[in-house]
Amino acid sequence: MDYNDLPLGLGLAFASNRTAMERFVGMTDHEKEEFIERSRSVLSKSEMERLVSSLAQDDEEPDVHLEDVQNIFKGPSIG
């Protein structure tokens, strides 16, 4: 990937958010291209900052799987 083709606004937003920049660098070339295309539709500085900061947020969803589903129903019984 040629970083000289990075849109100026995106580059400036990355300069102020190191975590997002590091995540971007770790992406595949295809993911980078998709992200850059998303950034081209941004119309304001604050919108660009939100887009870039979305990379810095944890993408992991909470683990809601239970080891034993039957444990949901344990507790005092009714009657």
PDB file of N, CA and C in Angstrom:
ATOM      1  N   MET A   1       0.844  -1.187   0.000  1.00  0.00           N
ATOM      2  CA  MET A   1       0.000   0.000   0.000  1.00  0.00           C
ATOM      3  C   MET A   1       0.875   1.231   0.000  1.00  0.00           C
ATOM      4  N   ASP A   2       0.556   2.158  -0.868  1.00  0.00           N
ATOM      5  CA  ASP A   2       1.302   3.412  -0.959  1.00  0.00           C
ATOM      6  C   ASP A   2       0.619   4.451  -0.077  1.00  0.00           C
ATOM      7  N   TYR A   3       1.270   4.813   1.015  1.00  0.00           N
ATOM      8  CA  TYR A   3       0.670   5.765   1.951  1.00  0.00           C
ATOM      9  C   TYR A   3       0.648   7.181   1.410  1.00  0.00           C
ATOM     10  N   ASN A   4       1.290   7.432   0.281  1.00  0.00           N
ATOM     11  CA  ASN A   4       1.225   8.746  -0.353  1.00  0.00           C
ATOM     12  C   ASN A   4      -0.159   9.006  -0.934  1.00  0.00           C
ATOM     13  N   ASP A   5      -0.944   7.953  -1.156  1.00  0.00           N
ATOM     14  CA  ASP A   5      -2.295   8.087  -1.691  1.00  0.00           C
ATOM     15  C   ASP A   5      -3.338   8.262  -0.597  1.00  0.00           C
ATOM     16  N   LEU A   6      -2.915   8.299   0.652  1.00  0.00           N
ATOM     17  CA  LEU A   6      -3.832   8.460   1.776  1.00  0.00           C
ATOM     18  C   LEU A   6      -4.428   9.869   1.732  1.00  0.00           C
ATOM     19  N   PRO A   7      -5.758   9.988   1.815  1.00  0.00           N
ATOM     20  CA  PRO A   7      -6.363  11.328   1.828  1.00  0.00           C
ATOM     21  C   PRO A   7      -5.817  12.167   2.981  1.00  0.00           C
ATOM     22  N   LEU A   8      -5.634  13.449   2.730  1.00  0.00           N
ATOM     23  CA  LEU A   8      -5.022  14.341   3.710  1.00  0.00           C
ATOM     24  C   LEU A   8      -5.780  14.345   5.041  1.00  0.00           C
ATOM     25  N   GLY A   9      -7.103  14.453   4.992  1.00  0.00           N
ATOM     26  CA  GLY A   9      -7.903  14.482   6.223  1.00  0.00           C
ATOM     27  C   GLY A   9      -7.751  13.210   7.035  1.00  0.00           C
ATOM     28  N   LEU A  10      -7.670  12.093   6.343  1.00  0.00           N
ATOM     29  CA  LEU A  10      -7.487  10.812   7.030  1.00  0.00           C
ATOM     30  C   LEU A  10      -6.114  10.758   7.683  1.00  0.00           C
ATOM     31  N   GLY A  11      -5.102  11.204   6.967  1.00  0.00           N
ATOM     32  CA  GLY A  11      -3.745  11.237   7.522  1.00  0.00           C
ATOM     33  C   GLY A  11      -3.648  12.124   8.748  1.00  0.00           C
ATOM     34  N   LEU A  12      -4.300  13.273   8.698  1.00  0.00           N
ATOM     35  CA  LEU A  12      -4.293  14.179   9.855  1.00  0.00           C
ATOM     36  C   LEU A  12      -5.024  13.571  11.046  1.00  0.00           C
ATOM     37  N   ALA A  13      -6.116  12.884  10.780  1.00  0.00           N
ATOM     38  CA  ALA A  13      -6.866  12.240  11.866  1.00  0.00           C
ATOM     39  C   ALA A  13      -6.032  11.119  12.496  1.00  0.00           C
ATOM     40  N   PHE A  14      -5.305  10.379  11.676  1.00  0.00           N
ATOM     41  CA  PHE A  14      -4.428   9.328  12.208  1.00  0.00           C
ATOM     42  C   PHE A  14      -3.294   9.927  13.030  1.00  0.00           C
ATOM     43  N   ALA A  15      -2.809  11.102  12.633  1.00  0.00           N
ATOM     44  CA  ALA A  15      -1.718  11.745  13.363  1.00  0.00           C
ATOM     45  C   ALA A  15      -2.132  12.086  14.792  1.00  0.00           C
ATOM     46  N   SER A  16      -3.413  12.304  15.020  1.00  0.00           N
ATOM     47  CA  SER A  16      -3.872  12.646  16.366  1.00  0.00           C
ATOM     48  C   SER A  16      -4.416  11.438  17.131  1.00  0.00           C
ATOM     49  N   ASN A  17      -4.411  10.266  16.514  1.00  0.00           N
ATOM     50  CA  ASN A  17      -4.911   9.065  17.182  1.00  0.00           C
ATOM     51  C   ASN A  17      -3.986   7.894  16.862  1.00  0.00           C
ATOM     52  N   ARG A  18      -2.973   7.750  17.672  1.00  0.00           N
ATOM     53  CA  ARG A  18      -1.940   6.742  17.417  1.00  0.00           C
ATOM     54  C   ARG A  18      -2.486   5.316  17.456  1.00  0.00           C
ATOM     55  N   THR A  19      -3.406   5.045  18.373  1.00  0.00           N
ATOM     56  CA  THR A  19      -3.971   3.703  18.481  1.00  0.00           C
ATOM     57  C   THR A  19      -4.694   3.319  17.197  1.00  0.00           C
ATOM     58  N   ALA A  20      -5.479   4.245  16.670  1.00  0.00           N
ATOM     59  CA  ALA A  20      -6.196   3.983  15.419  1.00  0.00           C
ATOM     60  C   ALA A  20      -5.206   3.780  14.274  1.00  0.00           C
ATOM     61  N   MET A  21      -4.146   4.581  14.255  1.00  0.00           N
ATOM     62  CA  MET A  21      -3.138   4.449  13.209  1.00  0.00           C
ATOM     63  C   MET A  21      -2.474   3.070  13.267  1.00  0.00           C
ATOM     64  N   GLU A  22      -2.160   2.604  14.460  1.00  0.00           N
ATOM     65  CA  GLU A  22      -1.535   1.293  14.605  1.00  0.00           C
ATOM     66  C   GLU A  22      -2.478   0.178  14.157  1.00  0.00           C
ATOM     67  N   ARG A  23      -3.754   0.311  14.462  1.00  0.00           N
ATOM     68  CA  ARG A  23      -4.725  -0.691  13.997  1.00  0.00           C
ATOM     69  C   ARG A  23      -4.848  -0.667  12.475  1.00  0.00           C
ATOM     70  N   PHE A  24      -4.814   0.532  11.891  1.00  0.00           N
ATOM     71  CA  PHE A  24      -4.884   0.662  10.442  1.00  0.00           C
ATOM     72  C   PHE A  24      -3.689  -0.018   9.789  1.00  0.00           C
ATOM     73  N   VAL A  25      -2.507   0.201  10.331  1.00  0.00           N
ATOM     74  CA  VAL A  25      -1.290  -0.403   9.789  1.00  0.00           C
ATOM     75  C   VAL A  25      -1.377  -1.929   9.849  1.00  0.00           C
ATOM     76  N   GLY A  26      -2.056  -2.462  10.856  1.00  0.00           N
ATOM     77  CA  GLY A  26      -2.184  -3.902  11.009  1.00  0.00           C
ATOM     78  C   GLY A  26      -3.244  -4.541  10.125  1.00  0.00           C
ATOM     79  N   MET A  27      -4.007  -3.730   9.407  1.00  0.00           N
ATOM     80  CA  MET A  27      -5.061  -4.265   8.542  1.00  0.00           C
ATOM     81  C   MET A  27      -4.467  -4.844   7.262  1.00  0.00           C
ATOM     82  N   THR A  28      -5.239  -5.692   6.614  1.00  0.00           N
ATOM     83  CA  THR A  28      -4.832  -6.189   5.299  1.00  0.00           C
ATOM     84  C   THR A  28      -4.993  -5.055   4.287  1.00  0.00           C
ATOM     85  N   ASP A  29      -4.359  -5.201   3.127  1.00  0.00           N
ATOM     86  CA  ASP A  29      -4.471  -4.166   2.102  1.00  0.00           C
ATOM     87  C   ASP A  29      -5.914  -3.961   1.668  1.00  0.00           C
ATOM     88  N   HIS A  30      -6.664  -5.048   1.578  1.00  0.00           N
ATOM     89  CA  HIS A  30      -8.073  -4.938   1.189  1.00  0.00           C
ATOM     90  C   HIS A  30      -8.866  -4.153   2.238  1.00  0.00           C
ATOM     91  N   GLU A  31      -8.635  -4.432   3.519  1.00  0.00           N
ATOM     92  CA  GLU A  31      -9.325  -3.713   4.588  1.00  0.00           C
ATOM     93  C   GLU A  31      -8.952  -2.233   4.578  1.00  0.00           C
ATOM     94  N   LYS A  32      -7.681  -1.951   4.312  1.00  0.00           N
ATOM     95  CA  LYS A  32      -7.230  -0.559   4.235  1.00  0.00           C
ATOM     96  C   LYS A  32      -7.936   0.176   3.108  1.00  0.00           C
ATOM     97  N   GLU A  33      -8.017  -0.458   1.947  1.00  0.00           N
ATOM     98  CA  GLU A  33      -8.679   0.174   0.806  1.00  0.00           C
ATOM     99  C   GLU A  33     -10.147   0.461   1.122  1.00  0.00           C
ATOM    100  N   GLU A  34     -10.821  -0.480   1.770  1.00  0.00           N
ATOM    101  CA  GLU A  34     -12.226  -0.270   2.142  1.00  0.00           C
ATOM    102  C   GLU A  34     -12.370   0.894   3.117  1.00  0.00           C
ATOM    103  N   PHE A  35     -11.454   0.973   4.082  1.00  0.00           N
ATOM    104  CA  PHE A  35     -11.507   2.051   5.062  1.00  0.00           C
ATOM    105  C   PHE A  35     -11.251   3.398   4.393  1.00  0.00           C
ATOM    106  N   ILE A  36     -10.297   3.432   3.497  1.00  0.00           N
ATOM    107  CA  ILE A  36      -9.990   4.673   2.775  1.00  0.00           C
ATOM    108  C   ILE A  36     -11.195   5.107   1.952  1.00  0.00           C
ATOM    109  N   GLU A  37     -11.864   4.170   1.312  1.00  0.00           N
ATOM    110  CA  GLU A  37     -13.056   4.508   0.529  1.00  0.00           C
ATOM    111  C   GLU A  37     -14.159   5.064   1.427  1.00  0.00           C
ATOM    112  N   ARG A  38     -14.317   4.487   2.620  1.00  0.00           N
ATOM    113  CA  ARG A  38     -15.295   5.027   3.573  1.00  0.00           C
ATOM    114  C   ARG A  38     -14.934   6.451   3.964  1.00  0.00           C
ATOM    115  N   SER A  39     -13.636   6.720   4.120  1.00  0.00           N
ATOM    116  CA  SER A  39     -13.202   8.053   4.540  1.00  0.00           C
ATOM    117  C   SER A  39     -13.438   9.101   3.459  1.00  0.00           C
ATOM    118  N   ARG A  40     -13.500   8.689   2.209  1.00  0.00           N
ATOM    119  CA  ARG A  40     -13.710   9.647   1.113  1.00  0.00           C
ATOM    120  C   ARG A  40     -15.115  10.260   1.133  1.00  0.00           C
ATOM    121  N   SER A  41     -16.052   9.609   1.809  1.00  0.00           N
ATOM    122  CA  SER A  41     -17.412  10.144   1.870  1.00  0.00           C
ATOM    123  C   SER A  41     -17.638  11.050   3.080  1.00  0.00           C
ATOM    124  N   VAL A  42     -16.615  11.217   3.901  1.00  0.00           N
ATOM    125  CA  VAL A  42     -16.728  12.039   5.102  1.00  0.00           C
ATOM    126  C   VAL A  42     -16.752  13.513   4.709  1.00  0.00           C
ATOM    127  N   LEU A  43     -17.627  14.283   5.362  1.00  0.00           N
ATOM    128  CA  LEU A  43     -17.814  15.683   4.987  1.00  0.00           C
ATOM    129  C   LEU A  43     -17.277  16.690   5.999  1.00  0.00           C
ATOM    130  N   SER A  44     -16.911  16.231   7.199  1.00  0.00           N
ATOM    131  CA  SER A  44     -16.433  17.184   8.202  1.00  0.00           C
ATOM    132  C   SER A  44     -15.276  16.590   9.007  1.00  0.00           C
ATOM    133  N   LYS A  45     -14.560  17.482   9.668  1.00  0.00           N
ATOM    134  CA  LYS A  45     -13.439  17.063  10.505  1.00  0.00           C
ATOM    135  C   LYS A  45     -13.912  16.171  11.648  1.00  0.00           C
ATOM    136  N   SER A  46     -15.009  16.542  12.283  1.00  0.00           N
ATOM    137  CA  SER A  46     -15.496  15.740  13.422  1.00  0.00           C
ATOM    138  C   SER A  46     -15.969  14.362  12.965  1.00  0.00           C
ATOM    139  N   GLU A  47     -16.554  14.301  11.788  1.00  0.00           N
ATOM    140  CA  GLU A  47     -16.976  13.008  11.256  1.00  0.00           C
ATOM    141  C   GLU A  47     -15.756  12.127  10.958  1.00  0.00           C
ATOM    142  N   MET A  48     -14.691  12.728  10.443  1.00  0.00           N
ATOM    143  CA  MET A  48     -13.455  11.987  10.166  1.00  0.00           C
ATOM    144  C   MET A  48     -12.851  11.487  11.477  1.00  0.00           C
ATOM    145  N   GLU A  49     -12.861  12.324  12.495  1.00  0.00           N
ATOM    146  CA  GLU A  49     -12.324  11.913  13.792  1.00  0.00           C
ATOM    147  C   GLU A  49     -13.119  10.751  14.373  1.00  0.00           C
ATOM    148  N   ARG A  50     -14.442  10.774  14.202  1.00  0.00           N
ATOM    149  CA  ARG A  50     -15.273   9.656  14.686  1.00  0.00           C
ATOM    150  C   ARG A  50     -14.958   8.379  13.922  1.00  0.00           C
ATOM    151  N   LEU A  51     -14.791   8.501  12.607  1.00  0.00           N
ATOM    152  CA  LEU A  51     -14.473   7.333  11.790  1.00  0.00           C
ATOM    153  C   LEU A  51     -13.144   6.723  12.228  1.00  0.00           C
ATOM    154  N   VAL A  52     -12.139   7.569  12.387  1.00  0.00           N
ATOM    155  CA  VAL A  52     -10.814   7.083  12.777  1.00  0.00           C
ATOM    156  C   VAL A  52     -10.840   6.530  14.198  1.00  0.00           C
ATOM    157  N   SER A  53     -11.542   7.196  15.100  1.00  0.00           N
ATOM    158  CA  SER A  53     -11.584   6.699  16.482  1.00  0.00           C
ATOM    159  C   SER A  53     -12.329   5.375  16.581  1.00  0.00           C
ATOM    160  N   SER A  54     -13.172   5.071  15.594  1.00  0.00           N
ATOM    161  CA  SER A  54     -13.864   3.785  15.607  1.00  0.00           C
ATOM    162  C   SER A  54     -12.869   2.631  15.475  1.00  0.00           C
ATOM    163  N   LEU A  55     -11.722   2.889  14.879  1.00  0.00           N
ATOM    164  CA  LEU A  55     -10.687   1.850  14.798  1.00  0.00           C
ATOM    165  C   LEU A  55     -10.045   1.594  16.155  1.00  0.00           C
ATOM    166  N   ALA A  56      -9.993   2.623  16.981  1.00  0.00           N
ATOM    167  CA  ALA A  56      -9.320   2.501  18.271  1.00  0.00           C
ATOM    168  C   ALA A  56     -10.186   1.814  19.318  1.00  0.00           C
ATOM    169  N   GLN A  57     -11.483   1.726  19.059  1.00  0.00           N
ATOM    170  CA  GLN A  57     -12.376   1.080  20.011  1.00  0.00           C
ATOM    171  C   GLN A  57     -12.234  -0.420  19.903  1.00  0.00           C
ATOM    172  N   ASP A  58     -12.469  -1.090  21.007  1.00  0.00           N
ATOM    173  CA  ASP A  58     -12.409  -2.548  21.007  1.00  0.00           C
ATOM    174  C   ASP A  58     -13.552  -3.104  20.180  1.00  0.00           C
ATOM    175  N   ASP A  59     -13.200  -3.954  19.231  1.00  0.00           N
ATOM    176  CA  ASP A  59     -14.196  -4.567  18.370  1.00  0.00           C
ATOM    177  C   ASP A  59     -14.787  -5.817  18.984  1.00  0.00           C
ATOM    178  N   GLU A  60     -14.165  -6.288  20.052  1.00  0.00           N
ATOM    179  CA  GLU A  60     -14.608  -7.541  20.637  1.00  0.00           C
ATOM    180  C   GLU A  60     -15.972  -7.366  21.288  1.00  0.00           C
ATOM    181  N   GLU A  61     -16.842  -8.274  20.992  1.00  0.00           N
ATOM    182  CA  GLU A  61     -18.146  -8.266  21.622  1.00  0.00           C
ATOM    183  C   GLU A  61     -18.052  -9.068  22.909  1.00  0.00           C
ATOM    184  N   PRO A  62     -18.840  -8.708  23.898  1.00  0.00           N
ATOM    185  CA  PRO A  62     -18.779  -9.460  25.157  1.00  0.00           C
ATOM    186  C   PRO A  62     -19.159 -10.917  24.937  1.00  0.00           C
ATOM    187  N   ASP A  63     -18.498 -11.772  25.675  1.00  0.00           N
ATOM    188  CA  ASP A  63     -18.763 -13.199  25.556  1.00  0.00           C
ATOM    189  C   ASP A  63     -20.027 -13.531  26.334  1.00  0.00           C
ATOM    190  N   VAL A  64     -21.095 -13.815  25.625  1.00  0.00           N
ATOM    191  CA  VAL A  64     -22.369 -14.096  26.273  1.00  0.00           C
ATOM    192  C   VAL A  64     -22.670 -15.586  26.309  1.00  0.00           C
ATOM    193  N   HIS A  65     -21.738 -16.386  25.888  1.00  0.00           N
ATOM    194  CA  HIS A  65     -21.951 -17.827  25.896  1.00  0.00           C
ATOM    195  C   HIS A  65     -21.770 -18.360  27.306  1.00  0.00           C
ATOM    196  N   LEU A  66     -22.646 -19.253  27.671  1.00  0.00           N
ATOM    197  CA  LEU A  66     -22.562 -19.867  28.987  1.00  0.00           C
ATOM    198  C   LEU A  66     -22.027 -21.282  28.840  1.00  0.00           C
ATOM    199  N   GLU A  67     -21.246 -21.692  29.816  1.00  0.00           N
ATOM    200  CA  GLU A  67     -20.715 -23.048  29.793  1.00  0.00           C
ATOM    201  C   GLU A  67     -21.848 -24.058  29.888  1.00  0.00           C
ATOM    202  N   ASP A  68     -22.818 -23.777  30.759  1.00  0.00           N
ATOM    203  CA  ASP A  68     -23.927 -24.700  30.957  1.00  0.00           C
ATOM    204  C   ASP A  68     -25.223 -23.895  30.980  1.00  0.00           C
ATOM    205  N   VAL A  69     -26.011 -24.007  29.943  1.00  0.00           N
ATOM    206  CA  VAL A  69     -27.243 -23.240  29.833  1.00  0.00           C
ATOM    207  C   VAL A  69     -28.199 -23.552  30.969  1.00  0.00           C
ATOM    208  N   GLN A  70     -28.129 -24.734  31.532  1.00  0.00           N
ATOM    209  CA  GLN A  70     -29.029 -25.111  32.622  1.00  0.00           C
ATOM    210  C   GLN A  70     -28.822 -24.234  33.855  1.00  0.00           C
ATOM    211  N   ASN A  71     -27.645 -23.608  33.984  1.00  0.00           N
ATOM    212  CA  ASN A  71     -27.384 -22.745  35.137  1.00  0.00           C
ATOM    213  C   ASN A  71     -28.283 -21.514  35.154  1.00  0.00           C
ATOM    214  N   ILE A  72     -28.846 -21.159  34.034  1.00  0.00           N
ATOM    215  CA  ILE A  72     -29.742 -20.015  33.974  1.00  0.00           C
ATOM    216  C   ILE A  72     -30.954 -20.263  34.868  1.00  0.00           C
ATOM    217  N   PHE A  73     -31.381 -21.506  34.922  1.00  0.00           N
ATOM    218  CA  PHE A  73     -32.622 -21.827  35.603  1.00  0.00           C
ATOM    219  C   PHE A  73     -32.435 -22.255  37.046  1.00  0.00           C
ATOM    220  N   LYS A  74     -31.218 -22.227  37.549  1.00  0.00           N
ATOM    221  CA  LYS A  74     -31.005 -22.603  38.949  1.00  0.00           C
ATOM    222  C   LYS A  74     -31.385 -21.447  39.855  1.00  0.00           C
ATOM    223  N   GLY A  75     -31.922 -21.760  40.981  1.00  0.00           N
ATOM    224  CA  GLY A  75     -32.327 -20.742  41.931  1.00  0.00           C
ATOM    225  C   GLY A  75     -33.569 -21.215  42.661  1.00  0.00           C
ATOM    226  N   PRO A  76     -34.135 -20.343  43.455  1.00  0.00           N
ATOM    227  CA  PRO A  76     -35.322 -20.761  44.204  1.00  0.00           C
ATOM    228  C   PRO A  76     -36.464 -21.077  43.261  1.00  0.00           C
ATOM    229  N   SER A  77     -37.170 -22.126  43.595  1.00  0.00           N
ATOM    230  CA  SER A  77     -38.298 -22.530  42.744  1.00  0.00           C
ATOM    231  C   SER A  77     -39.567 -21.825  43.200  1.00  0.00           C
ATOM    232  N   ILE A  78     -40.537 -21.847  42.315  1.00  0.00           N
ATOM    233  CA  ILE A  78     -41.816 -21.218  42.634  1.00  0.00           C
ATOM    234  C   ILE A  78     -42.763 -22.306  43.137  1.00  0.00           C
ATOM    235  N   GLY A  79     -43.043 -22.315  44.395  1.00  0.00           N
ATOM    236  CA  GLY A  79     -44.053 -23.213  44.960  1.00  0.00           C
ATOM    237  C   GLY A  79     -43.604 -24.541  45.153  1.00  0.00           C
TER     238      GLY A  79
END
